[in-house]
């Protein structure tokens, strides 16, 4: 189905049918072509189906008009037979009926009506009003729907993971492909290296049958003939695609030194124009990516490892990154350009000792706390990581800004990281890259796992702007990345906490006296209040109302206004009534959905419970370990 929306005013639809099947891991294999301004290659998706990720407490089941199925009816197209140019991916000549249909006979554990039911799954992600019915209806095939926009999809095929040498070593059913993937995604956290290795091997396995697919403005729809349920559907598929120069997730431009570069902004349409994915926040996954570019370019990415280039041939290098903490696909970030690393002129041995990286491989996973998230190599349960005040960090920038970074930005990172650790404890991520992005970057900063973008504007003047913005982005490692709202319309939660904590971190980084800290925070609160008044005065009335939960969509302009407004009110961690007040009434106009979770803020315990209920993404134990100091 094709939906016509105006991105400048309309919220964007979440099309992925995440209540039936979830992506657990992405393997990207990409080439960056600056001449044609495209990124091309393959992405392999590993799925998990069944009801283990569904919320059983839903009291009512939402149904949708029957015409939604008609609107989403699959277009029967001839399978693509485009030549494969990447020798790493081998296409099979087998037909649709020549391979085993895995999982045959297993029950479909999704909802009986087959609707896109994110509310039942996540208690906060409701189904989009633009969603389509993709479940099993009699003899119809199961339809996988992925969020996708501004992409040219060339080929979709099932991956023959059973053909991977050595796969029989860890699986009980080496001939059943879906069972192999089920056991692969279920490997325990202490086997993460082996898991990543087999993900990579499986991603290079030959294809065993092309899959029918259709693409419209906002989604990619895939089906396999004869697979009527999510458990029957292939659990490992490969998609060959290219981005488009005008794709809205990718920005092609020149840096401040006039050299070409490309980076992903994500918002406002997240990464759906970078690769086909599942975009609801509940669809958390890990990833690994291999990116090839000309040898003169540096590839930075959301990844736990500080990747180094591998020369493939003359003039071409390859970079590889991976992530073991499950996170929404929207947090994936990449930047490719002629960046120059800025290093301190003098690096003492004490600094090196303080910044030594603790990888999951060498981590001491003694039990140090209770985490309520899914299993992965969590730093909050790593006794060694808890004492690491300053994580390893690097600074990259265009050549012409290297001096400014060395003078302004580089000296601020250690005290800001140390301040954050003193307030919140263990850093959620093991390392940090900071990049000064091109001049067309529309914000002061953006945080992603292991990678922060900062505007060149932060380098001007005194260290105040640079320091506060850096603290804000560091705070997002806890609020927005390690913890995040279940619902995109609740974006104000992470922005509000990060805005409060930037003041707390910056005061500690400057080592201010208590009276100086209070004076600085009161002044900044006053400035935010004035900015809030200006926002309300200059925003259309319909933009001041938070989307109702039953119409929850992706990130849009409306939730952004609410996020900016709420930032002004989060002044202290116990000042919940003011934080909630802005959602109920902004200048007598704004309102929030009615919900029993929204309390009056009179009880610290009640308010903390409310926040814990809303912020249910990764390490919810953060609220139990330590609260920010006022």
Foldseek 3Di string as FASTA:
>chain_A
DADDDDQAFDFFFQAFLVLFKFFAEKEAEWEQDLVQGKIWDKIKTFMDGACPQFAPPDPDDDDDDPCLQVVVPDDDDDAFDDDDPDPLEAEDPAALPPADQFPPPDDRRGDPQQFSAVCRRAVQQGHAPNYGRQAFDPQDFGKGKWWAAQKFWRFKFFFQLLPQPPLVVQFPCSRHQLRSSVSLSPDFALCVVVSVVSVVSSLSGYTNYTWDWDDYHTIIMTTRPPHRGSSRGRRMMMITIMGHNPQPQKDWDAAPVRWTKMKGPQPPVFCNRPDTHRAQFSSWYWYKYKYKYFPQKDKDWQAQDPWDWDDDDHGMTITMGIDFATTGSSLIIMMMTNKDWADAPDDDPVNCVLAPFDDLNNFDQAADFDFDFDGHSWLVSGPVQQSRQAHAEIEIEPPVCNVLCNVAPPVLRSLLSNLVCVFQTGQRGRAAYEYAGHQPPPDQWDEHRRYIYGHPVCSDDHNVSVQLVVSLNSQCSVQVTQWYFSAQLVRLRSLQRSLQRSLSSSCSSVVHDPVVSVVVLVVVLVVLVVVLVVLVVPDDLVLQEGDASNNGRHRGSSSVNLSSNLNSQNNDPLSVQSSLVSQPQRPNRYHYYDDPLRDNSPDSVSVLVSVLSRTPDHGSCSSVPGHGGD
